[in-house]
Amino acid sequence: MNYLSAIILFNPNLPNLIHRDIIRLEQQLLEQQLYIYLLQRYLLLKYRSESESQTKLQTFMTSLKDLEIMSEIRRSEPIELA
């Protein structure tokens, strides 16, 4: 499938689209995969070592997940006003 076809098929703004939310989720997943791939490439260029770049990527992804969890906890706690 060429890129133009993929863009057209995965456009959540098409008229009469039944599963608009699913298309949006697929787009978000593809964007995340693209960002991770680009980050992998950047780290490989920067550190010039597959193992070191993978270690850095894993550390980053773990930190990102930890921040996401902390954010969820913070949102679930009631806000106390002084």
C-alpha atoms as a PDB file:
ATOM      1  CA  MET A   1       0.000   0.000   0.000  1.00  0.00           C
ATOM      2  CA  ASN A   2       1.454   3.363  -0.905  1.00  0.00           C
ATOM      3  CA  TYR A   3       1.529   6.250   1.549  1.00  0.00           C
ATOM      4  CA  LEU A   4      -1.215   8.257  -0.180  1.00  0.00           C
ATOM      5  CA  SER A   5      -3.623   5.309   0.033  1.00  0.00           C
ATOM      6  CA  ALA A   6      -2.808   4.825   3.708  1.00  0.00           C
ATOM      7  CA  ILE A   7      -3.402   8.513   4.423  1.00  0.00           C
ATOM      8  CA  ILE A   8      -6.756   8.439   2.643  1.00  0.00           C
ATOM      9  CA  LEU A   9      -7.886   5.160   4.224  1.00  0.00           C
ATOM     10  CA  PHE A  10      -6.890   6.212   7.737  1.00  0.00           C
ATOM     11  CA  ASN A  11      -8.416   9.686   7.618  1.00  0.00           C
ATOM     12  CA  PRO A  12     -10.908   9.976  10.521  1.00  0.00           C
ATOM     13  CA  ASN A  13     -12.536  12.995   8.847  1.00  0.00           C
ATOM     14  CA  LEU A  14     -14.014  11.051   5.931  1.00  0.00           C
ATOM     15  CA  PRO A  15     -17.776  11.533   5.572  1.00  0.00           C
ATOM     16  CA  ASN A  16     -20.047   8.640   6.601  1.00  0.00           C
ATOM     17  CA  LEU A  17     -17.232   6.922   8.473  1.00  0.00           C
ATOM     18  CA  ILE A  18     -18.651   4.393  10.924  1.00  0.00           C
ATOM     19  CA  HIS A  19     -15.649   3.631  13.161  1.00  0.00           C
ATOM     20  CA  ARG A  20     -14.111   7.110  13.438  1.00  0.00           C
ATOM     21  CA  ASP A  21     -12.766   6.507  16.969  1.00  0.00           C
ATOM     22  CA  ILE A  22     -10.981   3.314  15.936  1.00  0.00           C
ATOM     23  CA  ILE A  23      -9.299   5.140  13.046  1.00  0.00           C
ATOM     24  CA  ARG A  24      -8.150   7.895  15.430  1.00  0.00           C
ATOM     25  CA  LEU A  25      -6.713   5.293  17.811  1.00  0.00           C
ATOM     26  CA  GLU A  26      -4.892   3.592  14.930  1.00  0.00           C
ATOM     27  CA  GLN A  27      -3.437   6.949  13.893  1.00  0.00           C
ATOM     28  CA  GLN A  28      -2.221   7.609  17.426  1.00  0.00           C
ATOM     29  CA  LEU A  29      -0.625   4.161  17.582  1.00  0.00           C
ATOM     30  CA  LEU A  30       1.141   4.710  14.255  1.00  0.00           C
ATOM     31  CA  GLU A  31       2.379   8.116  15.427  1.00  0.00           C
ATOM     32  CA  GLN A  32       3.735   6.607  18.650  1.00  0.00           C
ATOM     33  CA  GLN A  33       5.512   3.869  16.717  1.00  0.00           C
ATOM     34  CA  LEU A  34       6.996   6.456  14.373  1.00  0.00           C
ATOM     35  CA  TYR A  35       8.263   8.604  17.260  1.00  0.00           C
ATOM     36  CA  ILE A  36       9.831   5.581  18.950  1.00  0.00           C
ATOM     37  CA  TYR A  37      11.483   4.534  15.700  1.00  0.00           C
ATOM     38  CA  LEU A  38      12.867   8.040  15.148  1.00  0.00           C
ATOM     39  CA  LEU A  39      14.131   8.161  18.729  1.00  0.00           C
ATOM     40  CA  GLN A  40      15.842   4.788  18.224  1.00  0.00           C
ATOM     41  CA  ARG A  41      17.546   6.096  15.091  1.00  0.00           C
ATOM     42  CA  TYR A  42      18.637   9.289  16.863  1.00  0.00           C
ATOM     43  CA  LEU A  43      20.083   7.369  19.820  1.00  0.00           C
ATOM     44  CA  LEU A  44      21.910   4.995  17.510  1.00  0.00           C
ATOM     45  CA  LEU A  45      23.458   7.924  15.652  1.00  0.00           C
ATOM     46  CA  LYS A  46      24.356   9.692  18.877  1.00  0.00           C
ATOM     47  CA  TYR A  47      25.887   6.754  20.776  1.00  0.00           C
ATOM     48  CA  ARG A  48      27.086   4.698  17.769  1.00  0.00           C
ATOM     49  CA  SER A  49      26.386   1.526  19.695  1.00  0.00           C
ATOM     50  CA  GLU A  50      23.322  -0.680  19.331  1.00  0.00           C
ATOM     51  CA  SER A  51      23.465  -1.887  22.930  1.00  0.00           C
ATOM     52  CA  GLU A  52      23.983   1.564  24.436  1.00  0.00           C
ATOM     53  CA  SER A  53      21.256   3.132  22.318  1.00  0.00           C
ATOM     54  CA  GLN A  54      18.831   0.337  23.292  1.00  0.00           C
ATOM     55  CA  THR A  55      19.706   0.820  26.965  1.00  0.00           C
ATOM     56  CA  LYS A  56      19.081   4.565  26.690  1.00  0.00           C
ATOM     57  CA  LEU A  57      15.792   3.969  24.879  1.00  0.00           C
ATOM     58  CA  GLN A  58      14.638   1.470  27.500  1.00  0.00           C
ATOM     59  CA  THR A  59      15.555   3.879  30.305  1.00  0.00           C
ATOM     60  CA  PHE A  60      13.649   6.664  28.580  1.00  0.00           C
ATOM     61  CA  MET A  61      10.571   4.498  27.975  1.00  0.00           C
ATOM     62  CA  THR A  62      10.574   3.318  31.598  1.00  0.00           C
ATOM     63  CA  SER A  63      10.825   6.918  32.830  1.00  0.00           C
ATOM     64  CA  LEU A  64       8.005   7.919  30.512  1.00  0.00           C
ATOM     65  CA  LYS A  65       5.798   5.127  31.880  1.00  0.00           C
ATOM     66  CA  ASP A  66       6.648   6.146  35.464  1.00  0.00           C
ATOM     67  CA  LEU A  67       5.662   9.743  34.697  1.00  0.00           C
ATOM     68  CA  GLU A  68       2.398   8.547  33.196  1.00  0.00           C
ATOM     69  CA  ILE A  69       1.609   6.536  36.339  1.00  0.00           C
ATOM     70  CA  MET A  70       2.491   9.476  38.598  1.00  0.00           C
ATOM     71  CA  SER A  71       0.266  11.731  36.524  1.00  0.00           C
ATOM     72  CA  GLU A  72      -2.645   9.284  36.851  1.00  0.00           C
ATOM     73  CA  ILE A  73      -2.157   9.125  40.622  1.00  0.00           C
ATOM     74  CA  ARG A  74      -2.028  12.905  40.837  1.00  0.00           C
ATOM     75  CA  ARG A  75      -5.229  13.261  38.796  1.00  0.00           C
ATOM     76  CA  SER A  76      -7.068  10.759  40.988  1.00  0.00           C
ATOM     77  CA  GLU A  77      -6.196  12.579  44.223  1.00  0.00           C
ATOM     78  CA  PRO A  78      -8.495  15.379  45.336  1.00  0.00           C
ATOM     79  CA  ILE A  79      -7.021  18.857  45.110  1.00  0.00           C
ATOM     80  CA  GLU A  80      -6.574  20.465  48.520  1.00  0.00           C
ATOM     81  CA  LEU A  81      -6.857  24.235  48.689  1.00  0.00           C
ATOM     82  CA  ALA A  82      -5.048  26.015  51.504  1.00  0.00           C
END
